């Protein structure tokens, strides 16, 4: 009799547990924590909109944590809103391709800080800020979404673009000091993030401190310094218990980014793009334009065949699923809103864990422990005179100032023009030196008639520009 009742209890438990697993497989879970500087996060709302109808709504408590469950097969808009702050809209395209796995993806975290709008931002954050969508190449979703970093990058790129646009329209000199500080700030942020991702927190802290000095009104460097402080406090407590000499570890890590003498400073030589790389950029952009402007795959393949004849190359044909999806008009017939009701979300009552607490019995994770990494370094025999260890693989860091120094050594004149010709095209490169900043412009004239203009920048890379902006800066029309 006892065995009979035990089987009934087990079957009842499974009947309640299995549907929850199936539900989790059919939904994409999005979770995270929203923060507000110098103010409570209470009053922040998160709405999920499907075809102009709100299907989920969450009011955040003082902890700012949230969880969303979005069923696959539909497209959604997630709106983060707080009165007096910039509204952030995240699109979630969960209509998966037929050949993709139709569920079972791991949860996605979206945590960031709400920020107040500034007059110079304009419509910069109006509309969709980021789109969550399935990637055929990755066989899933891109999970490394740093909203705070994306906000900073958008602000920097917008300011540089507005400076260039103003210069092209008015024919005035660009505010070089302002652009130089923006580029230095972005270069420091990029380099600090690179060290942070490799868990070299002492080196990352140095770059974020310098970035905060250049742009103290920006908050991203402050957020990262707070994260680094938390990581280092936890690490230093464990290091003290294990008897590790932290000072020697800090010096060894910082040697990779701060040479001791001026003779050791690395000035990278300027390496311009090769003609082959410029051709690849042009052909890739042309292929994208052909696909975007074609009505269907057959029309695109006919145009690509002409492109093959022109360049005497063989570009692969495209299938119907490679074509960009056209937005379909919403059906006019009324429909019933599906029931997406979820169990009531439990409010988080747990307080944040104190930094000084160390759980030695915690299970091991795949993330490398910085204490173990540093402990291995201390076991190496110490030399009388510290020398760079070539066996330690540190990230390659090219400082923006040293990059500019390398250009100044090679191109000291106010304007230097270099011309290269081959059987197919003529490449003209112009180096402009105003004493504090060197800009590199490129004009590529193809024999078959097309001419393209570029600006080569660090760290953002090569960008295409228009004829007016190119001529206003280089004054090449005066030469001709």
Protein backbone atom coordinates (compact mmCIF):
# COMPACT_ATOMS: atom_id res chain seq x y z
CA UNK A 1 0.00 0.00 0.00
CA UNK A 2 2.82 2.43 0.87
CA UNK A 3 4.52 1.62 -2.44
CA UNK A 4 1.28 2.35 -4.30
CA UNK A 5 0.91 5.81 -2.72
CA UNK A 6 4.60 6.57 -3.33
CA UNK A 7 4.16 5.93 -7.07
CA UNK A 8 1.11 8.20 -7.11
CA UNK A 9 3.10 11.04 -5.44
CA UNK A 10 5.99 10.63 -7.90
CA UNK A 11 3.66 10.74 -10.91
CA UNK A 12 1.87 13.81 -9.51
CA UNK A 13 5.21 15.60 -9.03
CA UNK A 14 6.33 14.80 -12.57
CA UNK A 15 3.02 16.05 -14.00
CA UNK A 16 3.70 19.44 -12.39
CA UNK A 17 7.42 19.60 -13.25
CA UNK A 18 7.46 18.49 -16.91
CA UNK A 19 5.14 21.29 -18.20
CA UNK A 20 7.43 23.89 -16.62
CA UNK A 21 10.39 22.46 -18.55
CA UNK A 22 8.42 22.52 -21.80
CA UNK A 23 7.38 26.11 -21.12
CA UNK A 24 10.99 27.14 -20.52
CA UNK A 25 12.02 25.48 -23.82
CA UNK A 26 9.38 27.46 -25.74
CA UNK A 27 10.25 30.87 -24.18
CA UNK A 28 13.34 33.07 -24.27
CA UNK A 29 14.08 34.26 -20.74
CA UNK A 30 15.49 37.80 -20.47
CA UNK A 31 16.60 38.97 -17.04
CA UNK A 32 18.81 41.60 -15.45
CA UNK A 33 19.05 44.54 -13.07
CA UNK A 34 18.31 48.19 -13.86
CA UNK A 35 20.14 50.92 -11.93
CA UNK A 36 19.65 54.69 -11.63
CA UNK A 37 22.48 57.00 -10.49
CA UNK A 38 21.86 58.98 -7.28
CA UNK A 39 18.18 58.05 -7.26
CA UNK A 40 15.92 55.13 -6.52
CA UNK A 41 15.02 52.80 -9.37
CA UNK A 42 11.44 52.68 -8.10
CA UNK A 43 9.12 54.10 -10.75
CA UNK A 44 10.88 52.35 -13.64
CA UNK A 45 8.56 50.27 -15.80
CA UNK A 46 9.32 47.52 -18.31
CA UNK A 47 6.71 46.89 -21.00
CA UNK A 48 6.64 44.17 -23.65
CA UNK A 49 4.73 45.25 -26.77
CA UNK A 50 3.56 42.98 -29.58
CA UNK A 51 1.89 44.64 -32.57
CA UNK A 52 1.13 47.84 -30.64
CA UNK A 53 -0.45 45.93 -27.72
CA UNK A 54 1.19 45.65 -24.28
CA UNK A 55 1.27 41.97 -23.28
CA UNK A 56 3.55 42.20 -20.21
CA UNK A 57 4.30 45.01 -17.75
CA UNK A 58 6.63 45.06 -14.73
CA UNK A 59 7.01 47.76 -12.06
CA UNK A 60 10.53 47.54 -10.59
CA UNK A 61 11.08 47.59 -6.83
CA UNK A 62 14.07 49.07 -4.99
CA UNK A 63 16.33 46.20 -6.11
CA UNK A 64 15.74 46.79 -9.83
CA UNK A 65 15.73 43.10 -10.83
CA UNK A 66 13.36 41.72 -13.46
CA UNK A 67 12.55 38.60 -15.51
CA UNK A 68 10.73 38.34 -18.85
CA UNK A 69 9.51 35.26 -20.71
CA UNK A 70 8.97 35.79 -24.44
CA UNK A 71 7.48 32.93 -26.50
CA UNK A 72 9.26 32.14 -29.77
CA UNK A 73 7.46 32.75 -33.05
CA UNK A 74 6.65 36.47 -32.62
CA UNK A 75 8.50 39.81 -32.65
CA UNK A 76 8.44 42.04 -29.58
CA UNK A 77 9.50 45.48 -28.36
CA UNK A 78 10.88 45.77 -24.79
CA UNK A 79 10.59 49.34 -23.45
CA UNK A 80 12.52 50.47 -20.34
CA UNK A 81 11.06 53.77 -19.11
CA UNK A 82 11.37 56.05 -16.08
CA UNK A 83 10.03 59.63 -15.92
CA UNK A 84 12.82 62.13 -16.50
CA UNK A 85 15.18 59.54 -18.03
CA UNK A 86 15.95 58.39 -21.58
CA UNK A 87 13.63 55.66 -22.83
CA UNK A 88 15.50 52.56 -24.05
CA UNK A 89 13.77 50.32 -26.60
CA UNK A 90 15.09 46.82 -27.30
CA UNK A 91 13.60 44.86 -30.21
CA UNK A 92 13.40 41.06 -29.86
CA UNK A 93 12.89 39.28 -33.19
CA UNK A 94 11.91 35.79 -32.09
CA UNK A 95 10.44 34.62 -35.41
CA UNK A 96 13.22 32.11 -35.96
CA UNK A 97 14.27 30.83 -39.41
CA UNK A 98 12.86 27.45 -40.39
CA UNK A 99 16.30 25.84 -40.44
CA UNK A 100 17.12 27.14 -36.92
CA UNK A 101 16.43 25.35 -33.66
CA UNK A 102 12.97 26.46 -32.55
CA UNK A 103 13.64 26.74 -28.80
CA UNK A 104 15.80 25.71 -25.89
CA UNK A 105 18.20 28.71 -25.93
CA UNK A 106 19.84 29.81 -22.71
CA UNK A 107 18.63 32.94 -20.84
CA UNK A 108 19.93 36.37 -21.85
CA UNK A 109 21.00 39.10 -19.41
CA UNK A 110 20.31 42.80 -20.05
CA UNK A 111 21.55 44.99 -17.17
CA UNK A 112 22.34 48.70 -17.49
CA UNK A 113 21.99 52.20 -15.99
CA UNK A 114 19.17 54.57 -16.89
CA UNK A 115 20.51 58.02 -17.83
CA UNK A 116 18.99 61.47 -18.24
CA UNK A 117 18.64 62.96 -21.74
CA UNK A 118 20.99 65.74 -22.85
CA UNK A 119 20.09 68.48 -25.38
CA UNK A 120 23.00 67.53 -27.66
CA UNK A 121 21.72 63.94 -27.91
CA UNK A 122 18.69 65.03 -29.96
CA UNK A 123 16.98 61.98 -31.47
CA UNK A 124 20.06 59.80 -30.93
CA UNK A 125 18.16 57.35 -28.69
CA UNK A 126 14.77 57.66 -30.36
CA UNK A 127 13.53 54.40 -31.83
CA UNK A 128 15.08 50.96 -31.49
CA UNK A 129 18.40 51.03 -29.61
CA UNK A 130 19.37 47.36 -30.07
CA UNK A 131 17.87 44.29 -31.76
CA UNK A 132 17.97 40.77 -30.35
CA UNK A 133 17.84 38.32 -33.24
CA UNK A 134 18.93 34.82 -34.21
CA UNK A 135 22.27 34.49 -36.03
CA UNK A 136 22.75 31.69 -38.52
CA UNK A 137 26.53 32.05 -38.22
CA UNK A 138 26.49 31.70 -34.40
CA UNK A 139 23.69 29.09 -34.41
CA UNK A 140 21.94 31.10 -31.72
CA UNK A 141 21.80 34.56 -30.14
CA UNK A 142 24.60 37.05 -29.36
CA UNK A 143 24.63 37.21 -25.55
CA UNK A 144 27.45 39.71 -24.87
CA UNK A 145 25.28 42.86 -24.89
CA UNK A 146 26.82 45.73 -22.88
CA UNK A 147 24.19 48.49 -23.11
CA UNK A 148 26.23 51.00 -21.08
CA UNK A 149 29.20 50.64 -23.45
CA UNK A 150 26.95 50.87 -26.53
CA UNK A 151 25.49 54.14 -25.22
CA UNK A 152 28.96 55.66 -24.81
CA UNK A 153 30.04 54.48 -28.27
CA UNK A 154 26.94 55.95 -29.91
CA UNK A 155 27.48 59.33 -28.23
CA UNK A 156 31.15 59.48 -29.30
CA UNK A 157 30.45 58.48 -32.91
CA UNK A 158 27.57 60.96 -33.14
CA UNK A 159 29.74 63.85 -31.95
CA UNK A 160 32.52 63.02 -34.41
CA UNK A 161 29.99 62.71 -37.25
CA UNK A 162 28.41 66.08 -36.41
CA UNK A 163 31.84 67.74 -36.39
CA UNK A 164 32.66 66.32 -39.83
CA UNK A 165 29.22 67.21 -41.22
CA UNK A 166 29.54 70.80 -40.01
CA UNK A 167 32.98 71.06 -41.60
CA UNK A 168 31.71 69.67 -44.93
CA UNK A 169 28.75 72.09 -45.10
CA UNK A 170 30.41 75.27 -43.90
CA UNK A 171 33.95 74.69 -45.15
CA UNK A 172 35.38 75.65 -41.74
CA UNK A 173 38.15 73.98 -39.80
CA UNK A 174 37.17 71.04 -37.61
CA UNK A 175 37.50 71.51 -33.87
CA UNK A 176 40.56 69.26 -33.69
CA UNK A 177 41.01 69.42 -29.94
CA UNK A 178 37.44 68.24 -29.34
CA UNK A 179 37.72 65.34 -31.81
CA UNK A 180 41.15 64.37 -30.45
CA UNK A 181 39.79 64.14 -26.90
CA UNK A 182 36.84 62.05 -28.09
CA UNK A 183 39.15 59.63 -29.91
CA UNK A 184 41.50 59.38 -26.93
CA UNK A 185 38.54 58.69 -24.65
CA UNK A 186 37.20 55.94 -26.91
CA UNK A 187 40.68 54.41 -27.32
CA UNK A 188 41.15 54.28 -23.52
CA UNK A 189 37.69 52.73 -23.06
CA UNK A 190 38.41 50.08 -25.70
CA UNK A 191 41.79 49.19 -24.19
CA UNK A 192 40.42 49.11 -20.63
CA UNK A 193 37.58 46.84 -21.71
CA UNK A 194 40.06 44.51 -23.41
CA UNK A 195 42.06 44.08 -20.19
CA UNK A 196 38.84 43.79 -18.13
CA UNK A 197 37.56 40.94 -20.29
CA UNK A 198 40.87 39.12 -19.69
CA UNK A 199 40.45 39.68 -15.92
CA UNK A 200 43.60 41.83 -15.67
CA UNK A 201 41.87 44.28 -13.37
CA UNK A 202 44.89 46.36 -12.27
CA UNK A 203 45.78 47.16 -15.90
CA UNK A 204 42.12 47.81 -16.81
CA UNK A 205 41.73 50.19 -13.86
CA UNK A 206 44.59 52.35 -15.18
CA UNK A 207 42.87 52.92 -18.54
CA UNK A 208 39.43 53.62 -17.02
CA UNK A 209 40.95 56.16 -14.60
CA UNK A 210 42.59 57.99 -17.53
CA UNK A 211 39.31 57.90 -19.48
CA UNK A 212 37.44 59.38 -16.50
CA UNK A 213 39.98 62.25 -16.37
CA UNK A 214 39.37 63.13 -20.03
CA UNK A 215 35.56 62.92 -19.82
CA UNK A 216 34.50 63.15 -16.15
CA UNK A 217 30.86 63.75 -17.15
CA UNK A 218 30.65 60.32 -18.79
CA UNK A 219 29.50 57.53 -16.47
CA UNK A 220 30.71 54.37 -18.22
CA UNK A 221 34.27 54.59 -16.83
CA UNK A 222 32.82 55.12 -13.34
CA UNK A 223 30.62 52.01 -13.67
CA UNK A 224 33.60 49.90 -14.71
CA UNK A 225 35.78 51.23 -11.89
CA UNK A 226 33.07 50.20 -9.42
CA UNK A 227 33.00 46.70 -10.94
CA UNK A 228 36.80 46.49 -10.76
CA UNK A 229 36.76 47.64 -7.13
CA UNK A 230 34.37 44.81 -6.25
CA UNK A 231 36.50 42.23 -8.09
CA UNK A 232 39.75 43.42 -6.50
CA UNK A 233 38.38 43.55 -2.97
CA UNK A 234 37.26 39.96 -3.28
CA UNK A 235 40.61 38.98 -4.83
CA UNK A 236 42.77 40.82 -2.26
CA UNK A 237 40.96 39.18 0.67
CA UNK A 238 41.67 35.74 -0.78
CA UNK A 239 45.25 36.74 -1.65
CA UNK A 240 45.86 37.86 1.93
CA UNK A 241 44.60 34.53 3.27
CA UNK A 242 46.89 32.66 0.87
CA UNK A 243 49.92 34.86 1.63
CA UNK A 244 50.38 36.20 -1.93
CA UNK A 245 52.51 39.32 -2.46
CA UNK A 246 50.03 41.61 -4.21
CA UNK A 247 52.52 44.44 -4.86
CA UNK A 248 54.74 42.28 -7.02
CA UNK A 249 51.75 41.03 -8.98
CA UNK A 250 50.54 44.58 -9.64
CA UNK A 251 54.00 45.63 -10.86
CA UNK A 252 54.26 42.60 -13.12
CA UNK A 253 50.85 43.25 -14.67
CA UNK A 254 51.43 46.98 -15.21
CA UNK A 255 54.81 46.40 -16.89
CA UNK A 256 52.89 45.22 -19.95
CA UNK A 257 51.37 48.67 -20.47
CA UNK A 258 53.96 51.02 -18.95
CA UNK A 259 57.58 50.61 -20.13
CA UNK A 260 60.15 51.76 -17.57
CA UNK A 261 62.33 53.86 -19.90
CA UNK A 262 61.71 56.09 -22.88
CA UNK A 263 63.85 53.80 -25.05
CA UNK A 264 61.35 50.98 -24.48
CA UNK A 265 58.39 53.02 -25.77
CA UNK A 266 56.77 51.33 -28.75
CA UNK A 267 55.93 53.62 -31.66
CA UNK A 268 53.98 51.56 -34.18
CA UNK A 269 54.67 52.37 -37.80
CA UNK A 270 51.78 53.59 -39.91
CA UNK A 271 50.56 50.73 -42.11
CA UNK A 272 47.97 51.98 -44.64
CA UNK A 273 45.37 49.73 -46.21
CA UNK A 274 46.56 47.75 -49.19
CA UNK A 275 44.90 48.12 -52.57
CA UNK A 276 43.50 44.62 -52.21
CA UNK A 277 41.84 45.54 -48.90
CA UNK A 278 40.30 48.68 -50.44
CA UNK A 279 38.97 46.60 -53.34
CA UNK A 280 37.43 44.09 -50.94
CA UNK A 281 35.66 46.90 -49.03
CA UNK A 282 34.25 48.29 -52.26
CA UNK A 283 33.12 44.90 -53.62
CA UNK A 284 31.53 43.90 -50.32
CA UNK A 285 29.56 47.17 -50.13
CA UNK A 286 28.51 46.85 -53.79
CA UNK A 287 27.27 43.30 -53.21
CA UNK A 288 25.21 44.46 -50.20
CA UNK A 289 23.65 47.26 -52.27
CA UNK A 290 22.74 44.84 -55.06
CA UNK A 291 21.03 42.45 -52.66
CA UNK A 292 19.20 45.25 -50.81
CA UNK A 293 17.88 46.89 -54.01
CA UNK A 294 16.75 43.65 -55.72
CA UNK A 295 13.14 42.53 -55.53
CA UNK A 296 14.00 38.82 -55.27
CA UNK A 297 16.89 36.36 -55.34
CA UNK A 298 16.66 35.78 -59.11
CA UNK A 299 17.02 39.49 -59.86
CA UNK A 300 19.94 39.78 -57.43
CA UNK A 301 21.72 36.82 -59.06
CA UNK A 302 21.37 38.37 -62.52
CA UNK A 303 22.96 41.59 -61.31
CA UNK A 304 25.70 39.68 -59.48
CA UNK A 305 26.46 37.84 -62.74
CA UNK A 306 27.15 41.21 -64.39
CA UNK A 307 29.37 42.07 -61.42
CA UNK A 308 31.31 38.81 -62.01
CA UNK A 309 31.89 39.77 -65.65
CA UNK A 310 33.02 43.27 -64.68
CA UNK A 311 35.62 42.16 -62.12
CA UNK A 312 36.40 38.81 -63.77
CA UNK A 313 35.67 37.00 -60.52
CA UNK A 314 33.20 34.38 -59.35
CA UNK A 315 30.80 35.49 -56.62
CA UNK A 316 28.47 32.86 -55.21
CA UNK A 317 24.78 33.06 -55.97
CA UNK A 318 22.34 33.76 -53.16
CA UNK A 319 19.27 31.86 -52.02
CA UNK A 320 15.86 33.23 -51.14
CA UNK A 321 16.59 33.16 -47.39
CA UNK A 322 19.63 35.42 -47.92
CA UNK A 323 17.39 38.26 -49.11
CA UNK A 324 16.46 40.91 -46.51
CA UNK A 325 13.03 40.32 -45.07
CA UNK A 326 10.36 42.75 -46.23
CA UNK A 327 8.07 44.07 -43.53
CA UNK A 328 4.58 42.64 -44.01
CA UNK A 329 1.53 44.85 -43.29
CA UNK A 330 -0.36 43.94 -40.16
CA UNK A 331 -3.59 41.98 -40.86
CA UNK A 332 -6.79 43.99 -40.54
CA UNK A 333 -8.91 41.18 -39.11
CA UNK A 334 -9.25 41.27 -35.31
CA UNK A 335 -7.40 38.60 -33.42
CA UNK A 336 -7.41 37.24 -29.92
CA UNK A 337 -4.46 38.16 -27.76
CA UNK A 338 -2.81 34.91 -26.59
CA UNK A 339 -2.53 34.27 -22.90
CA UNK A 340 1.09 34.83 -21.93
CA UNK A 341 0.36 34.83 -18.23
CA UNK A 342 3.30 33.68 -16.13
CA UNK A 343 3.55 32.78 -12.48
CA UNK A 344 3.67 35.82 -10.24
CA UNK A 345 7.22 37.12 -10.02
CA UNK A 346 8.70 36.88 -6.59
CA UNK A 347 10.22 40.03 -5.23
CA UNK A 348 13.87 39.72 -4.38
CA UNK A 349 14.38 40.19 -0.66
CA UNK A 350 17.97 39.02 -0.43
CA UNK A 351 20.53 41.68 0.35
CA UNK A 352 23.70 41.97 -1.76
CA UNK A 353 26.48 39.69 -0.59
CA UNK A 354 29.23 41.47 1.31
CA UNK A 355 32.49 41.72 -0.62
CA UNK A 356 34.61 40.43 2.25
CA UNK A 357 32.66 37.16 2.47
CA UNK A 358 34.45 34.21 0.81
CA UNK A 359 32.70 30.94 0.18
CA UNK A 360 35.54 28.43 -0.03
CA UNK A 361 33.03 25.59 -0.59
CA UNK A 362 31.55 27.17 -3.72
CA UNK A 363 31.65 24.92 -6.78
CA UNK A 364 34.31 25.61 -9.40
CA UNK A 365 33.25 27.45 -12.55
CA UNK A 366 34.73 27.73 -15.98
CA UNK A 367 35.80 31.36 -15.34
CA UNK A 368 39.53 31.48 -14.47
CA UNK A 369 40.22 32.48 -10.88
CA UNK A 370 42.59 35.51 -10.79
CA UNK A 371 44.07 34.28 -7.50
CA UNK A 372 45.19 30.98 -9.04
CA UNK A 373 46.53 32.84 -12.06
CA UNK A 374 48.51 35.26 -9.90
CA UNK A 375 49.71 32.45 -7.61
CA UNK A 376 51.29 30.69 -10.58
CA UNK A 377 53.16 33.86 -11.49
CA UNK A 378 54.61 34.18 -7.98
CA UNK A 379 56.16 30.72 -8.25
CA UNK A 380 58.51 31.95 -10.98
CA UNK A 381 62.05 32.77 -9.75
CA UNK A 382 62.48 36.51 -9.21
CA UNK A 383 65.28 38.18 -11.17
CA UNK A 384 67.52 40.84 -9.70
CA UNK A 385 66.54 43.27 -12.44
CA UNK A 386 62.98 43.06 -13.73
CA UNK A 387 62.81 42.29 -17.42
CA UNK A 388 59.80 42.00 -19.72
CA UNK A 389 58.55 38.42 -19.89
CA UNK A 390 57.94 37.68 -23.56
CA UNK A 391 56.22 34.40 -22.70
CA UNK A 392 53.28 36.17 -21.02
CA UNK A 393 50.69 37.01 -23.68
CA UNK A 394 49.24 40.42 -22.92
CA UNK A 395 46.75 42.21 -25.19
CA UNK A 396 48.40 44.28 -27.88
CA UNK A 397 47.75 47.89 -26.88
CA UNK A 398 48.44 50.76 -29.26
CA UNK A 399 47.97 54.05 -27.46
CA UNK A 400 46.37 56.79 -29.57
CA UNK A 401 49.13 59.26 -28.68
CA UNK A 402 51.92 56.89 -29.71
CA UNK A 403 50.08 56.13 -32.94
CA UNK A 404 49.95 59.86 -33.69
CA UNK A 405 53.66 60.16 -32.81
CA UNK A 406 54.52 57.55 -35.43
CA UNK A 407 52.64 59.58 -38.04
CA UNK A 408 54.36 62.83 -37.03
CA UNK A 409 57.81 61.23 -37.39
CA UNK A 410 57.00 60.10 -40.93
CA UNK A 411 54.90 63.05 -42.13
CA UNK A 412 56.14 66.29 -40.47
CA UNK A 413 54.79 68.65 -43.19
CA UNK A 414 51.39 70.34 -43.01
CA UNK A 415 50.21 68.30 -45.99
CA UNK A 416 51.80 65.29 -47.62
CA UNK A 417 50.41 63.69 -50.79
CA UNK A 418 51.30 60.16 -51.88
CA UNK A 419 50.13 58.75 -55.24
CA UNK A 420 50.23 55.10 -56.28
CA UNK A 421 49.21 53.81 -59.71
CA UNK A 422 48.69 50.37 -61.17
CA UNK A 423 46.96 48.95 -64.23
CA UNK A 424 43.46 49.26 -62.72
CA UNK A 425 43.34 52.32 -60.49
CA UNK A 426 45.07 55.35 -58.97
CA UNK A 427 45.25 55.72 -55.17
CA UNK A 428 45.92 59.17 -53.67
CA UNK A 429 46.62 59.37 -49.93
CA UNK A 430 46.70 62.76 -48.15
CA UNK A 431 48.22 63.28 -44.67
CA UNK A 432 47.14 66.50 -42.91
CA UNK A 433 49.29 67.63 -39.94
CA UNK A 434 48.11 70.66 -37.94
CA UNK A 435 50.65 70.15 -35.14
CA UNK A 436 48.34 68.35 -32.72
CA UNK A 437 46.45 65.87 -34.93
CA UNK A 438 47.24 63.99 -38.15
CA UNK A 439 44.36 62.84 -40.32
CA UNK A 440 44.72 60.39 -43.21
CA UNK A 441 42.46 60.61 -46.27
CA UNK A 442 42.35 58.31 -49.29
CA UNK A 443 40.91 58.69 -52.81
CA UNK A 444 40.66 55.64 -55.10
CA UNK A 445 40.04 56.32 -58.81
CA UNK A 446 39.16 53.17 -60.79
CA UNK A 447 39.91 52.91 -64.51
CA UNK A 448 36.30 52.00 -65.22
CA UNK A 449 35.12 55.39 -63.90
CA UNK A 450 34.16 55.08 -60.23
CA UNK A 451 35.89 57.16 -57.53
CA UNK A 452 35.63 56.50 -53.77
CA UNK A 453 36.76 58.51 -50.75
CA UNK A 454 37.81 57.25 -47.30
CA UNK A 455 39.18 58.51 -43.99
CA UNK A 456 41.53 56.20 -42.08
CA UNK A 457 41.10 56.56 -38.31
CA UNK A 458 42.28 54.95 -35.09
CA UNK A 459 40.70 53.08 -33.35
CA UNK A 460 37.47 53.03 -35.40
CA UNK A 461 39.14 51.95 -38.68
CA UNK A 462 38.39 53.04 -42.26
CA UNK A 463 35.18 54.92 -43.00
CA UNK A 464 33.68 55.98 -46.32
CA UNK A 465 33.05 59.73 -46.77
CA UNK A 466 31.62 61.96 -49.52
CA UNK A 467 33.30 64.05 -52.18
CA UNK A 468 32.51 67.38 -50.46
CA UNK A 469 33.99 66.37 -47.10
CA UNK A 470 37.09 64.97 -48.80
CA UNK A 471 37.80 68.05 -50.93
CA UNK A 472 37.06 70.54 -48.13
CA UNK A 473 39.71 68.89 -45.97
CA UNK A 474 42.40 67.94 -48.52
CA UNK A 475 41.98 70.90 -50.97
CA UNK A 476 43.01 68.58 -53.81
CA UNK A 477 40.71 70.44 -56.22
CA UNK A 478 43.12 73.41 -55.88
CA UNK A 479 46.00 71.19 -57.00
CA UNK A 480 44.11 70.11 -60.11
